[in-house]
Amino acid sequence: MDVERATLVAAALAAPGLGHAGAAMVLPLCLGFYLGRGRHFEDLEQVSRSAQRVAHTVGDAYSEAGVWTNLGVVLRRTRRFDEAIDAYIHACDLYHQVGEARGEAQAWNNLGLVLVDLRRFDEAIRAHFRACEVFEQAGDAHGEAGAWNNLGAVLRQLDRFDEAIDALSRAREVFHHVGDAHSEARAWTNLGAVLVDVSRFDEAIQAHTRAREVFHQVGDVHSEAVAWNNLGVALADLGRFDEAIDAHTRACDLYHRTGDTHGEAGAWRNLGAALTPGGGRRAEAVEAMRRSVDLYESTGDEHRMLRVQEWLARIRQEPDADGST
């Protein structure tokens, strides 16, 4: 796929003009998972928009729904959240029209993720619950597990930790049962974050380490970055700062390699926090926080940028190891 990517994308874009309507729709749909996992977002958006126009023209609602779902992935990952919501609503409506329950459930599931990005948590919970219901009605245990995984992550945001642990444990068990190691690792990642919140740090470290190993084995560099970042947080909470610094440094590098500026900003913030205790590395901590502020500003995330600026101001006021400020 890596070798033939450019050719496949070119073929998908050429198909409408050559009169191959079927290929113009099906080829982009088949490429969607690969291009999304590889973060080839420009390619995915181009082929998806081309396919959407063709599907709409020929009246193929099923294919158009799938294309809108893929477009939603691109729009969310590139932080165009309002457009992503519109894309997923289009997908939900079209899948419902054609009676495709699994597709509709996945669109609801993805819509919930965007609502979380916008901190609209109550709406996100409703979307993920809806996804769980539709997946269950369709008899899709794997899809339902994915919805439970996302629901658990939202419940954590609302400090509903026991419910989050139940949802994530349920998702992890199903993924393990069906042999989906990658999705199981995603559930371990989310579960580890909640375990940190409830001060079960040793269990959290085990969860994040397990996730990191799986992501590395399957070559998912971006998810490996997430796992390293989360692992660093758990290590810092146990006072294992040298290990935490190493974990966050690895996360910064991997996020940068995958082009995830927003994720990289968070890793620099966490690195700055791990460098702070004791005051001996305050200059490095300040530089890490400054990089985090700049990156958050470049992504338009004012909420997190302001929080890191407040943190940065506190660090600058703290005394160095020799008592100076």
C-alpha atoms as a PDB file:
ATOM      1  CA  MET A   1       0.000   0.000   0.000  1.00  0.00           C
ATOM      2  CA  ASP A   2       2.825   2.412   0.826  1.00  0.00           C
ATOM      3  CA  VAL A   3       4.504   1.750  -2.523  1.00  0.00           C
ATOM      4  CA  GLU A   4       1.292   2.088  -4.555  1.00  0.00           C
ATOM      5  CA  ARG A   5      -0.367   4.917  -2.616  1.00  0.00           C
ATOM      6  CA  ALA A   6       0.281   7.674  -5.181  1.00  0.00           C
ATOM      7  CA  THR A   7      -0.952   5.468  -8.035  1.00  0.00           C
ATOM      8  CA  LEU A   8      -4.106   4.445  -6.187  1.00  0.00           C
ATOM      9  CA  VAL A   9      -4.926   8.041  -5.265  1.00  0.00           C
ATOM     10  CA  ALA A  10      -4.349   9.141  -8.865  1.00  0.00           C
ATOM     11  CA  ALA A  11      -6.602   6.334 -10.116  1.00  0.00           C
ATOM     12  CA  ALA A  12      -9.383   7.312  -7.696  1.00  0.00           C
ATOM     13  CA  LEU A  13      -9.213  10.939  -8.818  1.00  0.00           C
ATOM     14  CA  ALA A  14      -9.076  10.035 -12.523  1.00  0.00           C
ATOM     15  CA  ALA A  15     -11.973   7.556 -12.421  1.00  0.00           C
ATOM     16  CA  PRO A  16     -14.857  10.098 -12.641  1.00  0.00           C
ATOM     17  CA  GLY A  17     -13.466  11.728 -15.771  1.00  0.00           C
ATOM     18  CA  LEU A  18     -12.938   8.336 -17.393  1.00  0.00           C
ATOM     19  CA  GLY A  19     -16.541   7.312 -16.806  1.00  0.00           C
ATOM     20  CA  HIS A  20     -15.826   4.713 -14.110  1.00  0.00           C
ATOM     21  CA  ALA A  21     -18.409   5.772 -11.516  1.00  0.00           C
ATOM     22  CA  GLY A  22     -18.128   2.514  -9.564  1.00  0.00           C
ATOM     23  CA  ALA A  23     -14.367   2.780  -9.170  1.00  0.00           C
ATOM     24  CA  ALA A  24     -14.701   6.476  -8.368  1.00  0.00           C
ATOM     25  CA  MET A  25     -16.741   5.544  -5.280  1.00  0.00           C
ATOM     26  CA  VAL A  26     -15.435   2.140  -4.221  1.00  0.00           C
ATOM     27  CA  LEU A  27     -11.704   2.823  -4.516  1.00  0.00           C
ATOM     28  CA  PRO A  28     -11.770   5.830  -2.132  1.00  0.00           C
ATOM     29  CA  LEU A  29     -13.900   3.830   0.295  1.00  0.00           C
ATOM     30  CA  CYS A  30     -11.400   0.975   0.241  1.00  0.00           C
ATOM     31  CA  LEU A  31      -8.511   3.401   0.760  1.00  0.00           C
ATOM     32  CA  GLY A  32     -10.202   5.175   3.666  1.00  0.00           C
ATOM     33  CA  PHE A  33      -8.883   3.057   6.538  1.00  0.00           C
ATOM     34  CA  TYR A  34      -5.335   2.922   5.192  1.00  0.00           C
ATOM     35  CA  LEU A  35      -5.096   6.651   4.453  1.00  0.00           C
ATOM     36  CA  GLY A  36      -6.631   7.548   7.802  1.00  0.00           C
ATOM     37  CA  ARG A  37      -4.372   5.237   9.832  1.00  0.00           C
ATOM     38  CA  GLY A  38      -1.344   6.589   7.988  1.00  0.00           C
ATOM     39  CA  ARG A  39      -2.492  10.205   8.523  1.00  0.00           C
ATOM     40  CA  HIS A  40      -2.408  10.884   4.776  1.00  0.00           C
ATOM     41  CA  PHE A  41      -5.164  13.405   5.282  1.00  0.00           C
ATOM     42  CA  GLU A  42      -4.714  15.475   2.132  1.00  0.00           C
ATOM     43  CA  ASP A  43      -5.004  12.367  -0.036  1.00  0.00           C
ATOM     44  CA  LEU A  44      -7.991  11.100   1.941  1.00  0.00           C
ATOM     45  CA  GLU A  45      -9.842  14.391   1.657  1.00  0.00           C
ATOM     46  CA  GLN A  46      -9.238  14.651  -2.090  1.00  0.00           C
ATOM     47  CA  VAL A  47     -10.446  11.159  -2.947  1.00  0.00           C
ATOM     48  CA  SER A  48     -13.372  11.381  -0.516  1.00  0.00           C
ATOM     49  CA  ARG A  49     -14.687  14.675  -1.875  1.00  0.00           C
ATOM     50  CA  SER A  50     -14.385  13.317  -5.401  1.00  0.00           C
ATOM     51  CA  ALA A  51     -16.266  10.156  -4.427  1.00  0.00           C
ATOM     52  CA  GLN A  52     -18.964  12.121  -2.584  1.00  0.00           C
ATOM     53  CA  ARG A  53     -19.754  14.166  -5.697  1.00  0.00           C
ATOM     54  CA  VAL A  54     -20.049  11.026  -7.817  1.00  0.00           C
ATOM     55  CA  ALA A  55     -22.166   9.137  -5.263  1.00  0.00           C
ATOM     56  CA  HIS A  56     -24.531  12.084  -4.890  1.00  0.00           C
ATOM     57  CA  THR A  57     -24.853  12.470  -8.658  1.00  0.00           C
ATOM     58  CA  VAL A  58     -25.688   8.812  -9.285  1.00  0.00           C
ATOM     59  CA  GLY A  59     -27.935   8.565  -6.203  1.00  0.00           C
ATOM     60  CA  ASP A  60     -25.871   5.932  -4.368  1.00  0.00           C
ATOM     61  CA  ALA A  61     -26.803   6.863  -0.772  1.00  0.00           C
ATOM     62  CA  TYR A  62     -24.927   3.912   0.748  1.00  0.00           C
ATOM     63  CA  SER A  63     -21.601   4.846  -0.815  1.00  0.00           C
ATOM     64  CA  GLU A  64     -22.156   8.535  -0.131  1.00  0.00           C
ATOM     65  CA  ALA A  65     -22.709   7.766   3.559  1.00  0.00           C
ATOM     66  CA  GLY A  66     -19.405   5.901   3.719  1.00  0.00           C
ATOM     67  CA  VAL A  67     -17.585   8.744   2.017  1.00  0.00           C
ATOM     68  CA  TRP A  68     -19.054  11.295   4.457  1.00  0.00           C
ATOM     69  CA  THR A  69     -17.768   9.111   7.302  1.00  0.00           C
ATOM     70  CA  ASN A  70     -14.248   9.144   5.843  1.00  0.00           C
ATOM     71  CA  LEU A  71     -14.459  12.901   5.325  1.00  0.00           C
ATOM     72  CA  GLY A  72     -15.434  13.286   8.948  1.00  0.00           C
ATOM     73  CA  VAL A  73     -12.221  11.521   9.952  1.00  0.00           C
ATOM     74  CA  VAL A  74     -10.139  13.995   7.949  1.00  0.00           C
ATOM     75  CA  LEU A  75     -12.015  17.032   9.192  1.00  0.00           C
ATOM     76  CA  ARG A  76     -11.761  15.981  12.824  1.00  0.00           C
ATOM     77  CA  ARG A  77      -8.070  15.129  12.602  1.00  0.00           C
ATOM     78  CA  THR A  78      -7.357  18.498  10.995  1.00  0.00           C
ATOM     79  CA  ARG A  79      -9.399  20.204  13.736  1.00  0.00           C
ATOM     80  CA  ARG A  80     -12.188  21.464  11.469  1.00  0.00           C
ATOM     81  CA  PHE A  81     -14.727  20.356  14.017  1.00  0.00           C
ATOM     82  CA  ASP A  82     -17.881  22.092  12.788  1.00  0.00           C
ATOM     83  CA  GLU A  83     -17.366  20.644   9.308  1.00  0.00           C
ATOM     84  CA  ALA A  84     -16.712  17.213  10.850  1.00  0.00           C
ATOM     85  CA  ILE A  85     -20.017  17.363  12.727  1.00  0.00           C
ATOM     86  CA  ASP A  86     -21.843  18.176   9.491  1.00  0.00           C
ATOM     87  CA  ALA A  87     -20.106  15.265   7.741  1.00  0.00           C
ATOM     88  CA  TYR A  88     -21.094  12.751  10.410  1.00  0.00           C
ATOM     89  CA  ILE A  89     -24.688  14.013  10.522  1.00  0.00           C
ATOM     90  CA  HIS A  90     -24.873  13.519   6.737  1.00  0.00           C
ATOM     91  CA  ALA A  91     -23.527   9.982   7.230  1.00  0.00           C
ATOM     92  CA  CYS A  92     -26.009   9.189  10.041  1.00  0.00           C
ATOM     93  CA  ASP A  93     -28.957  10.379   7.951  1.00  0.00           C
ATOM     94  CA  LEU A  94     -27.932   8.519   4.806  1.00  0.00           C
ATOM     95  CA  TYR A  95     -27.142   5.256   6.599  1.00  0.00           C
ATOM     96  CA  HIS A  96     -30.503   5.480   8.377  1.00  0.00           C
ATOM     97  CA  GLN A  97     -32.274   6.028   5.036  1.00  0.00           C
ATOM     98  CA  VAL A  98     -30.782   2.877   3.526  1.00  0.00           C
ATOM     99  CA  GLY A  99     -31.210   0.819   6.714  1.00  0.00           C
ATOM    100  CA  GLU A 100     -27.484   0.215   7.277  1.00  0.00           C
ATOM    101  CA  ALA A 101     -27.347  -0.043  11.084  1.00  0.00           C
ATOM    102  CA  ARG A 102     -23.613  -0.699  11.463  1.00  0.00           C
ATOM    103  CA  GLY A 103     -22.682   2.304   9.366  1.00  0.00           C
ATOM    104  CA  GLU A 104     -25.136   4.508  11.227  1.00  0.00           C
ATOM    105  CA  ALA A 105     -23.765   3.344  14.574  1.00  0.00           C
ATOM    106  CA  GLN A 106     -20.193   4.076  13.509  1.00  0.00           C
ATOM    107  CA  ALA A 107     -21.202   7.557  12.368  1.00  0.00           C
ATOM    108  CA  TRP A 108     -22.810   8.202  15.769  1.00  0.00           C
ATOM    109  CA  ASN A 109     -19.659   6.896  17.435  1.00  0.00           C
ATOM    110  CA  ASN A 110     -17.437   9.215  15.406  1.00  0.00           C
ATOM    111  CA  LEU A 111     -19.776  12.158  16.009  1.00  0.00           C
ATOM    112  CA  GLY A 112     -19.298  11.623  19.734  1.00  0.00           C
ATOM    113  CA  LEU A 113     -15.534  11.967  19.315  1.00  0.00           C
ATOM    114  CA  VAL A 114     -15.902  15.376  17.671  1.00  0.00           C
ATOM    115  CA  LEU A 115     -18.260  16.550  20.408  1.00  0.00           C
ATOM    116  CA  VAL A 116     -15.618  15.577  22.976  1.00  0.00           C
ATOM    117  CA  ASP A 117     -13.051  17.664  21.095  1.00  0.00           C
ATOM    118  CA  LEU A 118     -15.436  20.605  21.465  1.00  0.00           C
ATOM    119  CA  ARG A 119     -15.939  19.782  25.177  1.00  0.00           C
ATOM    120  CA  ARG A 120     -19.651  19.177  24.575  1.00  0.00           C
ATOM    121  CA  PHE A 121     -19.515  16.160  26.851  1.00  0.00           C
ATOM    122  CA  ASP A 122     -23.214  15.602  27.554  1.00  0.00           C
ATOM    123  CA  GLU A 123     -23.968  15.541  23.817  1.00  0.00           C
ATOM    124  CA  ALA A 124     -21.011  13.219  23.277  1.00  0.00           C
ATOM    125  CA  ILE A 125     -22.337  10.763  25.863  1.00  0.00           C
ATOM    126  CA  ARG A 126     -25.718  10.711  24.112  1.00  0.00           C
ATOM    127  CA  ALA A 127     -24.026  10.080  20.756  1.00  0.00           C
ATOM    128  CA  HIS A 128     -21.925   7.199  22.103  1.00  0.00           C
ATOM    129  CA  PHE A 129     -24.902   5.656  23.919  1.00  0.00           C
ATOM    130  CA  ARG A 130     -26.839   5.850  20.654  1.00  0.00           C
ATOM    131  CA  ALA A 131     -23.944   4.111  18.909  1.00  0.00           C
ATOM    132  CA  CYS A 132     -23.935   1.360  21.560  1.00  0.00           C
ATOM    133  CA  GLU A 133     -27.672   0.806  21.078  1.00  0.00           C
ATOM    134  CA  VAL A 134     -27.520   0.613  17.293  1.00  0.00           C
ATOM    135  CA  PHE A 135     -24.457  -1.652  17.303  1.00  0.00           C
ATOM    136  CA  GLU A 136     -26.226  -3.957  19.774  1.00  0.00           C
ATOM    137  CA  GLN A 137     -29.344  -4.039  17.587  1.00  0.00           C
ATOM    138  CA  ALA A 138     -27.170  -4.956  14.618  1.00  0.00           C
ATOM    139  CA  GLY A 139     -25.436  -7.728  16.565  1.00  0.00           C
ATOM    140  CA  ASP A 140     -22.023  -6.112  16.064  1.00  0.00           C
ATOM    141  CA  ALA A 141     -20.135  -6.858  19.292  1.00  0.00           C
ATOM    142  CA  HIS A 142     -16.861  -5.441  17.949  1.00  0.00           C
ATOM    143  CA  GLY A 143     -18.448  -2.150  16.961  1.00  0.00           C
ATOM    144  CA  GLU A 144     -20.268  -1.964  20.276  1.00  0.00           C
ATOM    145  CA  ALA A 145     -16.941  -2.409  22.086  1.00  0.00           C
ATOM    146  CA  GLY A 146     -15.549   0.553  20.168  1.00  0.00           C
ATOM    147  CA  ALA A 147     -18.474   2.678  21.291  1.00  0.00           C
ATOM    148  CA  TRP A 148     -18.013   1.567  24.924  1.00  0.00           C
ATOM    149  CA  ASN A 149     -14.324   2.485  24.633  1.00  0.00           C
ATOM    150  CA  ASN A 150     -15.163   6.003  23.468  1.00  0.00           C
ATOM    151  CA  LEU A 151     -17.933   6.335  26.042  1.00  0.00           C
ATOM    152  CA  GLY A 152     -15.496   5.444  28.797  1.00  0.00           C
ATOM    153  CA  ALA A 153     -13.149   8.203  27.669  1.00  0.00           C
ATOM    154  CA  VAL A 154     -15.973  10.759  27.875  1.00  0.00           C
ATOM    155  CA  LEU A 155     -17.123   9.584  31.293  1.00  0.00           C
ATOM    156  CA  ARG A 156     -13.573  10.134  32.503  1.00  0.00           C
ATOM    157  CA  GLN A 157     -13.774  13.770  31.360  1.00  0.00           C
ATOM    158  CA  LEU A 158     -16.789  14.205  33.648  1.00  0.00           C
ATOM    159  CA  ASP A 159     -15.003  12.542  36.611  1.00  0.00           C
ATOM    160  CA  ARG A 160     -17.404   9.583  36.500  1.00  0.00           C
ATOM    161  CA  PHE A 161     -14.443   7.285  37.059  1.00  0.00           C
ATOM    162  CA  ASP A 162     -16.153   4.070  38.196  1.00  0.00           C
ATOM    163  CA  GLU A 163     -18.486   4.155  35.192  1.00  0.00           C
ATOM    164  CA  ALA A 164     -15.538   4.891  32.914  1.00  0.00           C
ATOM    165  CA  ILE A 165     -13.550   1.931  34.249  1.00  0.00           C
ATOM    166  CA  ASP A 166     -16.552  -0.375  33.745  1.00  0.00           C
ATOM    167  CA  ALA A 167     -17.090   0.825  30.163  1.00  0.00           C
ATOM    168  CA  LEU A 168     -13.409   0.548  29.234  1.00  0.00           C
ATOM    169  CA  SER A 169     -12.979  -2.860  30.867  1.00  0.00           C
ATOM    170  CA  ARG A 170     -16.003  -4.086  28.936  1.00  0.00           C
ATOM    171  CA  ALA A 171     -14.499  -2.802  25.680  1.00  0.00           C
ATOM    172  CA  ARG A 172     -11.074  -4.295  26.404  1.00  0.00           C
ATOM    173  CA  GLU A 173     -12.508  -7.736  27.150  1.00  0.00           C
ATOM    174  CA  VAL A 174     -14.472  -7.843  23.889  1.00  0.00           C
ATOM    175  CA  PHE A 175     -11.515  -6.705  21.804  1.00  0.00           C
ATOM    176  CA  HIS A 176      -9.371  -9.373  23.453  1.00  0.00           C
ATOM    177  CA  HIS A 177     -12.021 -12.021  22.823  1.00  0.00           C
ATOM    178  CA  VAL A 178     -12.244 -11.231  19.093  1.00  0.00           C
ATOM    179  CA  GLY A 179      -8.458 -10.984  18.725  1.00  0.00           C
ATOM    180  CA  ASP A 180      -8.254  -7.287  17.814  1.00  0.00           C
ATOM    181  CA  ALA A 181      -4.947  -6.417  19.507  1.00  0.00           C
ATOM    182  CA  HIS A 182      -4.825  -2.867  18.159  1.00  0.00           C
ATOM    183  CA  SER A 183      -8.255  -1.901  19.447  1.00  0.00           C
ATOM    184  CA  GLU A 184      -7.526  -3.668  22.730  1.00  0.00           C
ATOM    185  CA  ALA A 185      -4.432  -1.476  23.053  1.00  0.00           C
ATOM    186  CA  ARG A 186      -6.587   1.622  22.516  1.00  0.00           C
ATOM    187  CA  ALA A 187      -8.829   0.470  25.349  1.00  0.00           C
ATOM    188  CA  TRP A 188      -5.769  -0.121  27.545  1.00  0.00           C
ATOM    189  CA  THR A 189      -4.673   3.456  26.776  1.00  0.00           C
ATOM    190  CA  ASN A 190      -7.969   4.956  27.890  1.00  0.00           C
ATOM    191  CA  LEU A 191      -8.190   2.653  30.914  1.00  0.00           C
ATOM    192  CA  GLY A 192      -4.677   3.633  31.982  1.00  0.00           C
ATOM    193  CA  ALA A 193      -5.651   7.308  31.964  1.00  0.00           C
ATOM    194  CA  VAL A 194      -8.589   6.650  34.294  1.00  0.00           C
ATOM    195  CA  LEU A 195      -6.430   4.525  36.589  1.00  0.00           C
ATOM    196  CA  VAL A 196      -4.117   7.528  36.992  1.00  0.00           C
ATOM    197  CA  ASP A 197      -7.128   9.664  37.952  1.00  0.00           C
ATOM    198  CA  VAL A 198      -8.002   7.260  40.778  1.00  0.00           C
ATOM    199  CA  SER A 199      -4.343   6.978  41.895  1.00  0.00           C
ATOM    200  CA  ARG A 200      -3.908   3.349  40.797  1.00  0.00           C
ATOM    201  CA  PHE A 201      -0.552   4.271  39.289  1.00  0.00           C
ATOM    202  CA  ASP A 202       1.122   0.855  39.086  1.00  0.00           C
ATOM    203  CA  GLU A 203      -1.867  -0.547  37.191  1.00  0.00           C
ATOM    204  CA  ALA A 204      -1.847   2.520  34.933  1.00  0.00           C
ATOM    205  CA  ILE A 205       1.814   2.025  34.083  1.00  0.00           C
ATOM    206  CA  GLN A 206       1.140  -1.603  33.198  1.00  0.00           C
ATOM    207  CA  ALA A 207      -1.796  -0.565  30.983  1.00  0.00           C
ATOM    208  CA  HIS A 208       0.150   2.113  29.101  1.00  0.00           C
ATOM    209  CA  THR A 209       3.212  -0.107  28.717  1.00  0.00           C
ATOM    210  CA  ARG A 210       1.095  -2.877  27.253  1.00  0.00           C
ATOM    211  CA  ALA A 211      -0.551  -0.443  24.836  1.00  0.00           C
ATOM    212  CA  ARG A 212       2.790   1.057  23.797  1.00  0.00           C
ATOM    213  CA  GLU A 213       4.245  -2.361  23.006  1.00  0.00           C
ATOM    214  CA  VAL A 214       1.293  -3.315  20.800  1.00  0.00           C
ATOM    215  CA  PHE A 215       1.297  -0.010  18.922  1.00  0.00           C
ATOM    216  CA  HIS A 216       5.020  -0.368  18.282  1.00  0.00           C
ATOM    217  CA  GLN A 217       4.593  -3.933  17.027  1.00  0.00           C
ATOM    218  CA  VAL A 218       1.896  -2.965  14.516  1.00  0.00           C
ATOM    219  CA  GLY A 219       3.720   0.191  13.385  1.00  0.00           C
ATOM    220  CA  ASP A 220       1.104   2.670  14.603  1.00  0.00           C
ATOM    221  CA  VAL A 221       3.508   5.516  15.367  1.00  0.00           C
ATOM    222  CA  HIS A 222       0.859   8.059  16.327  1.00  0.00           C
ATOM    223  CA  SER A 223      -0.851   5.793  18.857  1.00  0.00           C
ATOM    224  CA  GLU A 224       2.565   4.856  20.221  1.00  0.00           C
ATOM    225  CA  ALA A 225       3.164   8.571  20.834  1.00  0.00           C
ATOM    226  CA  VAL A 226      -0.097   8.756  22.796  1.00  0.00           C
ATOM    227  CA  ALA A 227       0.923   5.751  24.895  1.00  0.00           C
ATOM    228  CA  TRP A 228       4.378   7.180  25.657  1.00  0.00           C
ATOM    229  CA  ASN A 229       2.805  10.496  26.675  1.00  0.00           C
ATOM    230  CA  ASN A 230       0.274   8.827  28.973  1.00  0.00           C
ATOM    231  CA  LEU A 231       2.944   6.561  30.425  1.00  0.00           C
ATOM    232  CA  GLY A 232       5.023   9.625  31.291  1.00  0.00           C
ATOM    233  CA  VAL A 233       2.121  11.126  33.245  1.00  0.00           C
ATOM    234  CA  ALA A 234       1.741   7.965  35.341  1.00  0.00           C
ATOM    235  CA  LEU A 235       5.490   7.761  36.000  1.00  0.00           C
ATOM    236  CA  ALA A 236       5.611  11.408  37.090  1.00  0.00           C
ATOM    237  CA  ASP A 237       2.743  10.848  39.504  1.00  0.00           C
ATOM    238  CA  LEU A 238       4.838   8.123  41.152  1.00  0.00           C
ATOM    239  CA  GLY A 239       7.820  10.485  41.379  1.00  0.00           C
ATOM    240  CA  ARG A 240       9.799   8.568  38.738  1.00  0.00           C
ATOM    241  CA  PHE A 241      10.714  11.802  36.974  1.00  0.00           C
ATOM    242  CA  ASP A 242      13.725  10.630  34.953  1.00  0.00           C
ATOM    243  CA  GLU A 243      11.640   7.878  33.373  1.00  0.00           C
ATOM    244  CA  ALA A 244       8.771  10.330  32.832  1.00  0.00           C
ATOM    245  CA  ILE A 245      11.103  12.794  31.088  1.00  0.00           C
ATOM    246  CA  ASP A 246      12.308  10.035  28.772  1.00  0.00           C
ATOM    247  CA  ALA A 247       8.716   8.974  28.002  1.00  0.00           C
ATOM    248  CA  HIS A 248       7.556  12.524  27.190  1.00  0.00           C
ATOM    249  CA  THR A 249      10.661  13.193  25.089  1.00  0.00           C
ATOM    250  CA  ARG A 250       9.864  10.103  23.018  1.00  0.00           C
ATOM    251  CA  ALA A 251       6.268  11.261  22.700  1.00  0.00           C
ATOM    252  CA  CYS A 252       7.343  14.717  21.470  1.00  0.00           C
ATOM    253  CA  ASP A 253       9.503  13.110  18.787  1.00  0.00           C
ATOM    254  CA  LEU A 254       6.819  10.663  17.608  1.00  0.00           C
ATOM    255  CA  TYR A 255       4.077  13.293  17.535  1.00  0.00           C
ATOM    256  CA  HIS A 256       6.380  15.538  15.493  1.00  0.00           C
ATOM    257  CA  ARG A 257       7.144  12.701  13.072  1.00  0.00           C
ATOM    258  CA  THR A 258       3.438  12.094  12.469  1.00  0.00           C
ATOM    259  CA  GLY A 259       2.653  15.796  12.064  1.00  0.00           C
ATOM    260  CA  ASP A 260       0.290  15.973  15.046  1.00  0.00           C
ATOM    261  CA  THR A 261       0.983  19.501  16.272  1.00  0.00           C
ATOM    262  CA  HIS A 262      -1.756  19.430  18.891  1.00  0.00           C
ATOM    263  CA  GLY A 263      -0.546  16.152  20.376  1.00  0.00           C
ATOM    264  CA  GLU A 264       3.031  17.412  20.341  1.00  0.00           C
ATOM    265  CA  ALA A 265       1.927  20.508  22.263  1.00  0.00           C
ATOM    266  CA  GLY A 266       0.508  18.295  25.013  1.00  0.00           C
ATOM    267  CA  ALA A 267       3.679  16.215  25.183  1.00  0.00           C
ATOM    268  CA  TRP A 268       5.845  19.347  25.574  1.00  0.00           C
ATOM    269  CA  ARG A 269       3.519  20.549  28.342  1.00  0.00           C
ATOM    270  CA  ASN A 270       3.866  17.244  30.175  1.00  0.00           C
ATOM    271  CA  LEU A 271       7.624  17.250  29.652  1.00  0.00           C
ATOM    272  CA  GLY A 272       7.799  20.699  31.227  1.00  0.00           C
ATOM    273  CA  ALA A 273       5.828  19.436  34.215  1.00  0.00           C
ATOM    274  CA  ALA A 274       8.155  16.439  34.637  1.00  0.00           C
ATOM    275  CA  LEU A 275      11.212  18.741  34.527  1.00  0.00           C
ATOM    276  CA  THR A 276       9.817  21.065  37.212  1.00  0.00           C
ATOM    277  CA  PRO A 277      10.157  19.158  40.530  1.00  0.00           C
ATOM    278  CA  GLY A 278      13.241  20.196  42.497  1.00  0.00           C
ATOM    279  CA  GLY A 279      13.831  23.343  40.458  1.00  0.00           C
ATOM    280  CA  GLY A 280      17.182  22.167  39.122  1.00  0.00           C
ATOM    281  CA  ARG A 281      15.985  22.015  35.512  1.00  0.00           C
ATOM    282  CA  ARG A 282      13.759  25.056  35.520  1.00  0.00           C
ATOM    283  CA  ALA A 283      15.269  26.538  32.343  1.00  0.00           C
ATOM    284  CA  GLU A 284      14.474  23.329  30.430  1.00  0.00           C
ATOM    285  CA  ALA A 285      10.971  23.273  31.916  1.00  0.00           C
ATOM    286  CA  VAL A 286      10.374  26.875  30.841  1.00  0.00           C
ATOM    287  CA  GLU A 287      11.549  26.110  27.303  1.00  0.00           C
ATOM    288  CA  ALA A 288       9.290  23.046  27.092  1.00  0.00           C
ATOM    289  CA  MET A 289       6.283  25.041  28.267  1.00  0.00           C
ATOM    290  CA  ARG A 290       7.061  27.851  25.808  1.00  0.00           C
ATOM    291  CA  ARG A 291       7.126  25.351  22.955  1.00  0.00           C
ATOM    292  CA  SER A 292       3.800  23.973  24.162  1.00  0.00           C
ATOM    293  CA  VAL A 293       2.249  27.458  24.189  1.00  0.00           C
ATOM    294  CA  ASP A 294       3.476  28.186  20.663  1.00  0.00           C
ATOM    295  CA  LEU A 295       2.167  24.894  19.313  1.00  0.00           C
ATOM    296  CA  TYR A 296      -1.230  25.229  20.984  1.00  0.00           C
ATOM    297  CA  GLU A 297      -1.491  28.760  19.587  1.00  0.00           C
ATOM    298  CA  SER A 298      -0.717  27.472  16.090  1.00  0.00           C
ATOM    299  CA  THR A 299      -3.580  24.975  16.354  1.00  0.00           C
ATOM    300  CA  GLY A 300      -6.053  27.569  17.635  1.00  0.00           C
ATOM    301  CA  ASP A 301      -6.587  25.792  20.973  1.00  0.00           C
ATOM    302  CA  GLU A 302      -6.873  28.901  23.137  1.00  0.00           C
ATOM    303  CA  HIS A 303      -8.224  26.984  26.145  1.00  0.00           C
ATOM    304  CA  ARG A 304      -5.125  24.810  26.534  1.00  0.00           C
ATOM    305  CA  MET A 305      -2.764  27.599  25.488  1.00  0.00           C
ATOM    306  CA  LEU A 306      -4.005  29.799  28.345  1.00  0.00           C
ATOM    307  CA  ARG A 307      -3.708  26.962  30.849  1.00  0.00           C
ATOM    308  CA  VAL A 308      -0.089  26.313  29.878  1.00  0.00           C
ATOM    309  CA  GLN A 309       0.667  30.049  30.038  1.00  0.00           C
ATOM    310  CA  GLU A 310      -0.609  30.078  33.631  1.00  0.00           C
ATOM    311  CA  TRP A 311       1.562  27.083  34.423  1.00  0.00           C
ATOM    312  CA  LEU A 312       4.546  28.748  32.763  1.00  0.00           C
ATOM    313  CA  ALA A 313       4.063  31.884  34.863  1.00  0.00           C
ATOM    314  CA  ARG A 314       4.097  29.805  38.057  1.00  0.00           C
ATOM    315  CA  ILE A 315       7.287  27.988  37.024  1.00  0.00           C
ATOM    316  CA  ARG A 316       9.061  31.270  36.382  1.00  0.00           C
ATOM    317  CA  GLN A 317       8.204  32.422  39.910  1.00  0.00           C
ATOM    318  CA  GLU A 318       9.494  29.275  41.592  1.00  0.00           C
ATOM    319  CA  PRO A 319      13.005  29.396  43.145  1.00  0.00           C
ATOM    320  CA  ASP A 320      15.909  27.520  41.597  1.00  0.00           C
ATOM    321  CA  ALA A 321      17.706  24.850  43.572  1.00  0.00           C
ATOM    322  CA  ASP A 322      20.034  27.551  44.988  1.00  0.00           C
ATOM    323  CA  GLY A 323      17.061  29.633  46.196  1.00  0.00           C
ATOM    324  CA  SER A 324      17.214  32.276  43.440  1.00  0.00           C
ATOM    325  CA  THR A 325      14.260  33.135  41.175  1.00  0.00           C
END
